[in-house]
Amino acid sequence: MVNARHGGNRHLGESCLRWAFCAVRSSPGVQHYYEALRGRDKTHSQAIRSVANRLVGILHGCLEHGVLYDEAIAWPQSSAAESVAA
């Protein structure tokens, strides 16, 4: 049996999930990634958490390398489906 973790900053976690939900509705690249996850039988909640996790990773990369966010680089259509399949 797997128990849910209750640690971490609840407000930050909720903000990341809201960010992911809004990104799925407004970004074609994120929407494609979300739909690919749903196609792999992930629930809505699991897919949104995966999107949020990837968005945080992309944000970290942008901050670490001092570059601006570019959707074409962050969510390339060909590799998005491949990374979900892995």
Protein backbone atom coordinates (compact mmCIF):
# COMPACT_ATOMS: atom_id res chain seq x y z
CA MET A 1 0.00 0.00 0.00
CA VAL A 2 1.29 3.45 -0.92
CA ASN A 3 0.49 6.35 1.35
CA ALA A 4 0.29 9.97 0.22
CA ARG A 5 3.07 12.28 1.33
CA HIS A 6 1.97 15.26 3.37
CA GLY A 7 5.24 17.19 3.48
CA GLY A 8 6.22 20.28 1.56
CA ASN A 9 4.75 23.69 1.02
CA ARG A 10 1.04 23.16 0.37
CA HIS A 11 0.50 26.61 -1.14
CA LEU A 12 3.43 26.23 -3.52
CA GLY A 13 2.18 22.79 -4.57
CA GLU A 14 -1.32 24.12 -5.24
CA SER A 15 0.15 27.02 -7.23
CA CYS A 16 2.14 24.61 -9.39
CA LEU A 17 -0.96 22.52 -10.07
CA ARG A 18 -2.94 25.66 -10.99
CA TRP A 19 -0.05 26.74 -13.27
CA ALA A 20 -0.12 23.32 -14.95
CA PHE A 21 -3.90 23.39 -15.40
CA CYS A 22 -3.77 26.86 -16.97
CA ALA A 23 -0.85 25.83 -19.19
CA VAL A 24 -2.78 22.81 -20.48
CA ARG A 25 -5.65 25.13 -21.47
CA SER A 26 -3.50 27.82 -23.11
CA SER A 27 -0.36 26.18 -24.52
CA PRO A 28 -0.53 23.82 -27.51
CA GLY A 29 2.74 22.13 -26.54
CA VAL A 30 1.63 21.48 -22.98
CA GLN A 31 -1.80 20.34 -24.17
CA HIS A 32 -0.16 17.83 -26.52
CA TYR A 33 2.00 16.50 -23.66
CA TYR A 34 -1.05 16.26 -21.36
CA GLU A 35 -3.10 14.41 -23.99
CA ALA A 36 -0.22 11.99 -24.58
CA LEU A 37 -0.14 11.25 -20.85
CA ARG A 38 -3.90 10.71 -20.81
CA GLY A 39 -3.49 8.38 -23.78
CA ARG A 40 -1.20 6.27 -21.61
CA ASP A 41 -4.08 5.72 -19.15
CA LYS A 42 -2.91 8.34 -16.66
CA THR A 43 -5.69 9.93 -14.65
CA HIS A 44 -6.31 13.67 -14.93
CA SER A 45 -4.61 14.24 -11.56
CA GLN A 46 -1.57 12.16 -12.50
CA ALA A 47 -1.23 13.95 -15.83
CA ILE A 48 -1.54 17.41 -14.26
CA ARG A 49 1.09 16.50 -11.65
CA SER A 50 3.40 15.32 -14.44
CA VAL A 51 2.85 18.56 -16.35
CA ALA A 52 3.53 20.59 -13.19
CA ASN A 53 6.71 18.64 -12.53
CA ARG A 54 7.93 19.22 -16.07
CA LEU A 55 7.07 22.94 -15.90
CA VAL A 56 9.10 23.29 -12.70
CA GLY A 57 12.01 21.50 -14.39
CA ILE A 58 11.79 23.83 -17.39
CA LEU A 59 11.65 26.87 -15.08
CA HIS A 60 14.71 25.61 -13.22
CA GLY A 61 16.58 25.15 -16.50
CA CYS A 62 15.69 28.66 -17.65
CA LEU A 63 16.85 30.18 -14.37
CA GLU A 64 20.02 28.08 -14.22
CA HIS A 65 21.09 28.97 -17.76
CA GLY A 66 19.78 32.53 -17.79
CA VAL A 67 17.54 32.06 -20.82
CA LEU A 68 13.98 33.12 -21.53
CA TYR A 69 11.22 30.54 -21.83
CA ASP A 70 10.60 29.45 -25.41
CA GLU A 71 7.70 27.07 -25.97
CA ALA A 72 9.21 25.71 -29.18
CA ILE A 73 12.29 24.58 -27.24
CA ALA A 74 10.47 23.52 -24.07
CA TRP A 75 7.74 21.49 -25.78
CA PRO A 76 8.96 20.23 -29.17
CA GLN A 77 6.10 18.28 -30.74
CA SER A 78 8.18 15.35 -31.99
CA SER A 79 10.12 14.67 -28.79
CA ALA A 80 7.18 15.34 -26.44
CA ALA A 81 5.42 12.20 -27.60
CA GLU A 82 8.67 10.21 -27.44
CA SER A 83 9.48 11.33 -23.89
CA VAL A 84 5.98 10.39 -22.72
CA ALA A 85 6.30 6.97 -24.34
CA ALA A 86 9.49 6.23 -22.40
